[in-house]
Amino acid sequence: MEFNLPVTAGALLAIVAVGTAGLIGMDVMAMGTVLMMVAPSMLVFGLIALFLGIKHGEYRATR
């Protein structure tokens, strides 16, 4: 599997969507809280982790 931009973005969005749907489905928090606070923070964390993972991979590839 080749990870290009569309595949990577789709995988990230799928993970966030599954997590959001799980929280809404389990009725752990109010839906407004999940959609306005938890989902955006999951997306931001995922983007930060993706960026750090890419940079670490570039570092490992050059050493």
C-alpha atoms as a PDB file:
ATOM      1  CA  MET A   1       0.000   0.000   0.000  1.00  0.00           C
ATOM      2  CA  GLU A   2       1.398   3.345  -1.000  1.00  0.00           C
ATOM      3  CA  PHE A   3       0.735   6.170   1.422  1.00  0.00           C
ATOM      4  CA  ASN A   4       0.219   9.328  -0.583  1.00  0.00           C
ATOM      5  CA  LEU A   5      -1.707  12.404   0.539  1.00  0.00           C
ATOM      6  CA  PRO A   6      -5.261  11.208  -0.282  1.00  0.00           C
ATOM      7  CA  VAL A   7      -4.750   7.779   1.322  1.00  0.00           C
ATOM      8  CA  THR A   8      -3.162   9.280   4.436  1.00  0.00           C
ATOM      9  CA  ALA A   9      -5.861  11.952   4.810  1.00  0.00           C
ATOM     10  CA  GLY A  10      -8.587   9.334   4.311  1.00  0.00           C
ATOM     11  CA  ALA A  11      -7.087   7.046   6.944  1.00  0.00           C
ATOM     12  CA  LEU A  12      -6.794   9.914   9.440  1.00  0.00           C
ATOM     13  CA  LEU A  13     -10.370  11.036   8.840  1.00  0.00           C
ATOM     14  CA  ALA A  14     -11.631   7.447   9.098  1.00  0.00           C
ATOM     15  CA  ILE A  15      -9.955   6.979  12.481  1.00  0.00           C
ATOM     16  CA  VAL A  16     -11.408  10.245  13.796  1.00  0.00           C
ATOM     17  CA  ALA A  17     -14.860   9.373  12.399  1.00  0.00           C
ATOM     18  CA  VAL A  18     -14.851   5.925  14.038  1.00  0.00           C
ATOM     19  CA  GLY A  19     -13.791   7.415  17.372  1.00  0.00           C
ATOM     20  CA  THR A  20     -16.426  10.129  17.169  1.00  0.00           C
ATOM     21  CA  ALA A  21     -19.147   7.660  16.188  1.00  0.00           C
ATOM     22  CA  GLY A  22     -18.120   5.371  19.040  1.00  0.00           C
ATOM     23  CA  LEU A  23     -18.362   8.141  21.607  1.00  0.00           C
ATOM     24  CA  ILE A  24     -21.731   9.259  20.269  1.00  0.00           C
ATOM     25  CA  GLY A  25     -23.011   5.675  20.093  1.00  0.00           C
ATOM     26  CA  MET A  26     -21.932   4.811  23.642  1.00  0.00           C
ATOM     27  CA  ASP A  27     -23.691   7.934  24.915  1.00  0.00           C
ATOM     28  CA  VAL A  28     -20.781   8.698  27.238  1.00  0.00           C
ATOM     29  CA  MET A  29     -20.942  12.469  26.677  1.00  0.00           C
ATOM     30  CA  ALA A  30     -23.399  14.879  25.197  1.00  0.00           C
ATOM     31  CA  MET A  31     -23.306  14.953  21.400  1.00  0.00           C
ATOM     32  CA  GLY A  32     -22.536  18.682  21.396  1.00  0.00           C
ATOM     33  CA  THR A  33     -19.487  18.101  23.584  1.00  0.00           C
ATOM     34  CA  VAL A  34     -18.232  15.306  21.358  1.00  0.00           C
ATOM     35  CA  LEU A  35     -18.723  17.232  18.124  1.00  0.00           C
ATOM     36  CA  MET A  36     -17.472  20.622  19.307  1.00  0.00           C
ATOM     37  CA  MET A  37     -14.620  19.637  21.623  1.00  0.00           C
ATOM     38  CA  VAL A  38     -13.538  16.008  21.313  1.00  0.00           C
ATOM     39  CA  ALA A  39     -13.627  15.500  17.525  1.00  0.00           C
ATOM     40  CA  PRO A  40     -11.589  18.632  16.700  1.00  0.00           C
ATOM     41  CA  SER A  41      -9.029  17.792  19.375  1.00  0.00           C
ATOM     42  CA  MET A  42      -8.721  14.220  17.998  1.00  0.00           C
ATOM     43  CA  LEU A  43      -8.135  15.684  14.540  1.00  0.00           C
ATOM     44  CA  VAL A  44      -5.492  18.150  15.770  1.00  0.00           C
ATOM     45  CA  PHE A  45      -3.726  15.436  17.786  1.00  0.00           C
ATOM     46  CA  GLY A  46      -3.789  13.143  14.761  1.00  0.00           C
ATOM     47  CA  LEU A  47      -2.246  15.833  12.558  1.00  0.00           C
ATOM     48  CA  ILE A  48       0.493  16.536  15.114  1.00  0.00           C
ATOM     49  CA  ALA A  49       1.249  12.819  15.486  1.00  0.00           C
ATOM     50  CA  LEU A  50       1.283  12.419  11.697  1.00  0.00           C
ATOM     51  CA  PHE A  51       3.707  15.326  11.285  1.00  0.00           C
ATOM     52  CA  LEU A  52       6.027  13.994  14.000  1.00  0.00           C
ATOM     53  CA  GLY A  53       5.868  10.505  12.494  1.00  0.00           C
ATOM     54  CA  ILE A  54       6.770  11.815   9.047  1.00  0.00           C
ATOM     55  CA  LYS A  55       9.692  13.826  10.421  1.00  0.00           C
ATOM     56  CA  HIS A  56      10.941  10.848  12.440  1.00  0.00           C
ATOM     57  CA  GLY A  57      10.716   8.648   9.344  1.00  0.00           C
ATOM     58  CA  GLU A  58      12.708  11.191   7.345  1.00  0.00           C
ATOM     59  CA  TYR A  59      15.311  11.290  10.100  1.00  0.00           C
ATOM     60  CA  ARG A  60      15.570   7.485  10.223  1.00  0.00           C
ATOM     61  CA  ALA A  61      15.791   7.251   6.435  1.00  0.00           C
ATOM     62  CA  THR A  62      18.780   9.595   6.279  1.00  0.00           C
ATOM     63  CA  ARG A  63      20.774   7.933   9.073  1.00  0.00           C
END
